[in-house]
Amino acid sequence: MTTDELAKISKALADPTRLQIYESIAANPNTYCGQIIDKHDLSPGTVSHHLKILMEARLIECRRDGQFIHNRAVPETMREYTQALARLARPGKLERDRK
């Protein structure tokens, strides 16, 4: 994982609302947008914005099923992210990984 990818994921998870949305999706695969709106008392536009950022960071995937858009967490991304964070304790490791 590059430093840019690491930063993108960190920024995505830094927002408390977005982190709560990610936790909800990770706990309940195939969560659809209406459930997120109801659970977090957010507008559809706000939810859409947060989901877009989570998708761009590769933390979630979305798929359309008729009128519903289902969301699921991408565990591989979180696993790579936590491993990259662990490597931060070893100076220079992330830079070597980029090459």
N, C-alpha and C. Protein backbone atom coordinates (compact mmCIF):
# COMPACT_ATOMS: atom_id res chain seq x y z
N MET A 1 0.85 -1.18 0.00
CA MET A 1 0.00 0.00 0.00
C MET A 1 0.89 1.23 0.00
N THR A 2 0.60 2.14 -0.90
CA THR A 2 1.40 3.36 -0.99
C THR A 2 1.03 4.34 0.11
N THR A 3 1.86 5.32 0.31
CA THR A 3 1.56 6.35 1.31
C THR A 3 0.32 7.14 0.90
N ASP A 4 0.12 7.34 -0.41
CA ASP A 4 -1.08 8.05 -0.87
C ASP A 4 -2.34 7.26 -0.53
N GLU A 5 -2.31 5.95 -0.75
CA GLU A 5 -3.46 5.11 -0.41
C GLU A 5 -3.70 5.11 1.10
N LEU A 6 -2.63 5.03 1.86
CA LEU A 6 -2.73 5.06 3.31
C LEU A 6 -3.37 6.36 3.78
N ALA A 7 -2.94 7.47 3.21
CA ALA A 7 -3.50 8.77 3.58
C ALA A 7 -4.96 8.89 3.19
N LYS A 8 -5.33 8.39 2.02
CA LYS A 8 -6.72 8.46 1.54
C LYS A 8 -7.65 7.69 2.49
N ILE A 9 -7.24 6.52 2.91
CA ILE A 9 -8.05 5.73 3.84
C ILE A 9 -8.12 6.41 5.19
N SER A 10 -7.00 6.93 5.66
CA SER A 10 -6.98 7.63 6.95
C SER A 10 -7.92 8.82 6.93
N LYS A 11 -7.90 9.58 5.86
CA LYS A 11 -8.80 10.74 5.74
C LYS A 11 -10.25 10.30 5.69
N ALA A 12 -10.53 9.21 4.97
CA ALA A 12 -11.90 8.72 4.88
C ALA A 12 -12.43 8.32 6.25
N LEU A 13 -11.60 7.69 7.05
CA LEU A 13 -12.04 7.21 8.37
C LEU A 13 -11.93 8.27 9.46
N ALA A 14 -11.33 9.41 9.16
CA ALA A 14 -11.15 10.46 10.17
C ALA A 14 -12.45 11.17 10.52
N ASP A 15 -13.40 11.17 9.62
CA ASP A 15 -14.69 11.81 9.88
C ASP A 15 -15.54 10.87 10.75
N PRO A 16 -16.00 11.34 11.92
CA PRO A 16 -16.75 10.46 12.83
C PRO A 16 -18.01 9.86 12.21
N THR A 17 -18.74 10.63 11.43
CA THR A 17 -19.95 10.11 10.80
C THR A 17 -19.60 9.03 9.79
N ARG A 18 -18.57 9.29 8.98
CA ARG A 18 -18.15 8.32 7.98
C ARG A 18 -17.66 7.04 8.65
N LEU A 19 -16.95 7.16 9.76
CA LEU A 19 -16.48 5.99 10.49
C LEU A 19 -17.68 5.17 11.00
N GLN A 20 -18.70 5.84 11.50
CA GLN A 20 -19.91 5.14 11.96
C GLN A 20 -20.61 4.44 10.80
N ILE A 21 -20.67 5.10 9.65
CA ILE A 21 -21.28 4.48 8.47
C ILE A 21 -20.47 3.25 8.07
N TYR A 22 -19.16 3.37 8.05
CA TYR A 22 -18.31 2.22 7.69
C TYR A 22 -18.54 1.07 8.68
N GLU A 23 -18.58 1.38 9.96
CA GLU A 23 -18.81 0.33 10.97
C GLU A 23 -20.15 -0.36 10.75
N SER A 24 -21.17 0.40 10.42
CA SER A 24 -22.49 -0.18 10.15
C SER A 24 -22.46 -1.12 8.96
N ILE A 25 -21.79 -0.69 7.90
CA ILE A 25 -21.69 -1.51 6.69
C ILE A 25 -20.86 -2.77 6.95
N ALA A 26 -19.76 -2.62 7.69
CA ALA A 26 -18.91 -3.77 7.99
C ALA A 26 -19.65 -4.79 8.85
N ALA A 27 -20.51 -4.32 9.74
CA ALA A 27 -21.25 -5.22 10.63
C ALA A 27 -22.43 -5.89 9.93
N ASN A 28 -22.95 -5.25 8.88
CA ASN A 28 -24.13 -5.75 8.19
C ASN A 28 -23.92 -5.73 6.68
N PRO A 29 -23.33 -6.79 6.14
CA PRO A 29 -23.13 -6.83 4.68
C PRO A 29 -24.45 -6.63 3.94
N ASN A 30 -24.36 -6.00 2.78
CA ASN A 30 -25.51 -5.70 1.95
C ASN A 30 -26.43 -4.64 2.55
N THR A 31 -25.87 -3.76 3.36
CA THR A 31 -26.62 -2.63 3.88
C THR A 31 -27.01 -1.73 2.71
N TYR A 32 -28.26 -1.32 2.65
CA TYR A 32 -28.64 -0.41 1.59
C TYR A 32 -28.76 1.01 2.13
N CYS A 33 -28.75 1.97 1.23
CA CYS A 33 -28.65 3.38 1.59
C CYS A 33 -29.76 3.83 2.54
N GLY A 34 -30.98 3.35 2.30
CA GLY A 34 -32.10 3.74 3.17
C GLY A 34 -31.86 3.37 4.62
N GLN A 35 -31.24 2.23 4.84
CA GLN A 35 -30.92 1.82 6.21
C GLN A 35 -29.92 2.78 6.86
N ILE A 36 -28.95 3.23 6.08
CA ILE A 36 -27.95 4.16 6.60
C ILE A 36 -28.61 5.50 6.93
N ILE A 37 -29.48 5.96 6.04
CA ILE A 37 -30.18 7.22 6.25
C ILE A 37 -30.99 7.16 7.54
N ASP A 38 -31.74 6.07 7.73
CA ASP A 38 -32.57 5.92 8.92
C ASP A 38 -31.74 5.79 10.19
N LYS A 39 -30.72 4.95 10.14
CA LYS A 39 -29.92 4.67 11.34
C LYS A 39 -29.16 5.90 11.82
N HIS A 40 -28.63 6.68 10.89
CA HIS A 40 -27.78 7.81 11.27
C HIS A 40 -28.48 9.16 11.17
N ASP A 41 -29.77 9.12 10.79
CA ASP A 41 -30.58 10.34 10.69
C ASP A 41 -29.88 11.39 9.81
N LEU A 42 -29.51 10.96 8.61
CA LEU A 42 -28.81 11.83 7.66
C LEU A 42 -29.64 11.99 6.40
N SER A 43 -29.39 13.05 5.66
CA SER A 43 -30.08 13.25 4.39
C SER A 43 -29.49 12.31 3.34
N PRO A 44 -30.26 11.98 2.31
CA PRO A 44 -29.73 11.13 1.25
C PRO A 44 -28.47 11.70 0.61
N GLY A 45 -28.42 13.01 0.42
CA GLY A 45 -27.24 13.64 -0.17
C GLY A 45 -25.99 13.48 0.69
N THR A 46 -26.17 13.61 1.99
CA THR A 46 -25.04 13.46 2.91
C THR A 46 -24.53 12.02 2.90
N VAL A 47 -25.46 11.06 2.92
CA VAL A 47 -25.07 9.65 2.87
C VAL A 47 -24.33 9.36 1.56
N SER A 48 -24.86 9.86 0.47
CA SER A 48 -24.22 9.65 -0.83
C SER A 48 -22.79 10.19 -0.84
N HIS A 49 -22.60 11.36 -0.27
CA HIS A 49 -21.27 11.97 -0.19
C HIS A 49 -20.31 11.08 0.60
N HIS A 50 -20.76 10.62 1.76
CA HIS A 50 -19.90 9.77 2.61
C HIS A 50 -19.60 8.44 1.93
N LEU A 51 -20.59 7.85 1.28
CA LEU A 51 -20.36 6.58 0.59
C LEU A 51 -19.37 6.74 -0.55
N LYS A 52 -19.45 7.86 -1.25
CA LYS A 52 -18.51 8.10 -2.35
C LYS A 52 -17.07 8.13 -1.84
N ILE A 53 -16.85 8.80 -0.73
CA ILE A 53 -15.50 8.88 -0.16
C ILE A 53 -15.03 7.50 0.30
N LEU A 54 -15.91 6.73 0.91
CA LEU A 54 -15.55 5.38 1.34
C LEU A 54 -15.24 4.48 0.14
N MET A 55 -15.99 4.65 -0.95
CA MET A 55 -15.72 3.87 -2.16
C MET A 55 -14.40 4.27 -2.80
N GLU A 56 -14.13 5.57 -2.87
CA GLU A 56 -12.87 6.03 -3.46
C GLU A 56 -11.66 5.53 -2.68
N ALA A 57 -11.84 5.32 -1.38
CA ALA A 57 -10.77 4.78 -0.54
C ALA A 57 -10.73 3.25 -0.59
N ARG A 58 -11.62 2.65 -1.38
CA ARG A 58 -11.72 1.20 -1.54
C ARG A 58 -12.10 0.49 -0.24
N LEU A 59 -12.78 1.20 0.66
CA LEU A 59 -13.22 0.60 1.91
C LEU A 59 -14.55 -0.13 1.76
N ILE A 60 -15.37 0.29 0.79
CA ILE A 60 -16.64 -0.36 0.53
C ILE A 60 -16.83 -0.56 -0.98
N GLU A 61 -17.74 -1.46 -1.31
CA GLU A 61 -18.18 -1.67 -2.68
C GLU A 61 -19.69 -1.51 -2.70
N CYS A 62 -20.22 -0.99 -3.79
CA CYS A 62 -21.66 -0.81 -3.93
C CYS A 62 -22.14 -1.57 -5.15
N ARG A 63 -23.35 -2.11 -5.04
CA ARG A 63 -23.95 -2.76 -6.21
C ARG A 63 -25.44 -2.43 -6.21
N ARG A 64 -25.94 -2.19 -7.41
CA ARG A 64 -27.35 -1.85 -7.58
C ARG A 64 -28.16 -3.13 -7.74
N ASP A 65 -29.31 -3.17 -7.06
CA ASP A 65 -30.27 -4.26 -7.19
C ASP A 65 -31.64 -3.60 -7.30
N GLY A 66 -32.06 -3.35 -8.54
CA GLY A 66 -33.31 -2.62 -8.76
C GLY A 66 -33.16 -1.20 -8.26
N GLN A 67 -34.05 -0.79 -7.37
CA GLN A 67 -33.98 0.58 -6.84
C GLN A 67 -33.04 0.71 -5.64
N PHE A 68 -32.55 -0.41 -5.15
CA PHE A 68 -31.69 -0.39 -3.98
C PHE A 68 -30.22 -0.45 -4.37
N ILE A 69 -29.40 0.26 -3.60
CA ILE A 69 -27.95 0.17 -3.76
C ILE A 69 -27.42 -0.45 -2.48
N HIS A 70 -26.86 -1.65 -2.61
CA HIS A 70 -26.34 -2.37 -1.45
C HIS A 70 -24.85 -2.07 -1.30
N ASN A 71 -24.42 -1.99 -0.07
CA ASN A 71 -23.03 -1.67 0.25
C ASN A 71 -22.45 -2.79 1.08
N ARG A 72 -21.18 -3.08 0.82
CA ARG A 72 -20.49 -4.06 1.65
C ARG A 72 -19.06 -3.57 1.87
N ALA A 73 -18.52 -3.90 3.02
CA ALA A 73 -17.14 -3.55 3.34
C ALA A 73 -16.20 -4.43 2.52
N VAL A 74 -15.02 -3.90 2.26
CA VAL A 74 -13.98 -4.65 1.56
C VAL A 74 -12.91 -4.98 2.61
N PRO A 75 -12.98 -6.17 3.20
CA PRO A 75 -12.07 -6.50 4.30
C PRO A 75 -10.60 -6.50 3.88
N GLU A 76 -10.33 -6.80 2.62
CA GLU A 76 -8.94 -6.82 2.16
C GLU A 76 -8.29 -5.44 2.30
N THR A 77 -9.06 -4.40 2.00
CA THR A 77 -8.51 -3.05 2.11
C THR A 77 -8.19 -2.72 3.57
N MET A 78 -9.10 -3.06 4.47
CA MET A 78 -8.85 -2.77 5.89
C MET A 78 -7.67 -3.59 6.40
N ARG A 79 -7.54 -4.82 5.92
CA ARG A 79 -6.40 -5.65 6.34
C ARG A 79 -5.08 -5.04 5.85
N GLU A 80 -5.03 -4.62 4.59
CA GLU A 80 -3.83 -3.98 4.05
C GLU A 80 -3.53 -2.67 4.80
N TYR A 81 -4.58 -1.94 5.11
CA TYR A 81 -4.42 -0.66 5.82
C TYR A 81 -3.82 -0.88 7.21
N THR A 82 -4.36 -1.83 7.95
CA THR A 82 -3.83 -2.05 9.31
C THR A 82 -2.40 -2.58 9.27
N GLN A 83 -2.09 -3.38 8.25
CA GLN A 83 -0.71 -3.87 8.12
C GLN A 83 0.23 -2.70 7.79
N ALA A 84 -0.22 -1.79 6.95
CA ALA A 84 0.61 -0.62 6.61
C ALA A 84 0.83 0.26 7.83
N LEU A 85 -0.21 0.43 8.64
CA LEU A 85 -0.05 1.22 9.86
C LEU A 85 0.96 0.56 10.80
N ALA A 86 0.91 -0.76 10.90
CA ALA A 86 1.84 -1.48 11.76
C ALA A 86 3.28 -1.29 11.28
N ARG A 87 3.45 -1.21 9.95
CA ARG A 87 4.80 -1.03 9.41
C ARG A 87 5.34 0.39 9.64
N LEU A 88 4.47 1.33 9.96
CA LEU A 88 4.93 2.69 10.21
C LEU A 88 5.96 2.76 11.33
N ALA A 89 5.91 1.80 12.23
CA ALA A 89 6.86 1.76 13.34
C ALA A 89 8.27 1.41 12.87
N ARG A 90 8.35 0.88 11.63
CA ARG A 90 9.66 0.55 11.06
C ARG A 90 10.01 1.62 10.03
N PRO A 91 10.87 2.57 10.37
CA PRO A 91 11.20 3.68 9.48
C PRO A 91 11.63 3.22 8.09
N GLY A 92 11.11 3.92 7.08
CA GLY A 92 11.50 3.67 5.70
C GLY A 92 10.78 2.53 5.03
N LYS A 93 10.03 1.75 5.76
CA LYS A 93 9.37 0.57 5.19
C LYS A 93 8.35 0.96 4.13
N LEU A 94 7.51 1.96 4.39
CA LEU A 94 6.49 2.34 3.42
C LEU A 94 7.13 2.84 2.13
N GLU A 95 8.21 3.60 2.23
CA GLU A 95 8.87 4.11 1.03
C GLU A 95 9.44 2.96 0.19
N ARG A 96 9.98 1.95 0.84
CA ARG A 96 10.51 0.80 0.09
C ARG A 96 9.39 0.05 -0.61
N ASP A 97 8.20 -0.01 0.02
CA ASP A 97 7.06 -0.72 -0.55
C ASP A 97 6.57 -0.05 -1.83
N ARG A 98 6.76 1.24 -1.97
CA ARG A 98 6.26 1.98 -3.13
C ARG A 98 7.04 1.66 -4.39
N LYS A 99 8.27 1.20 -4.24
CA LYS A 99 9.14 0.96 -5.39
C LYS A 99 8.91 -0.37 -6.02
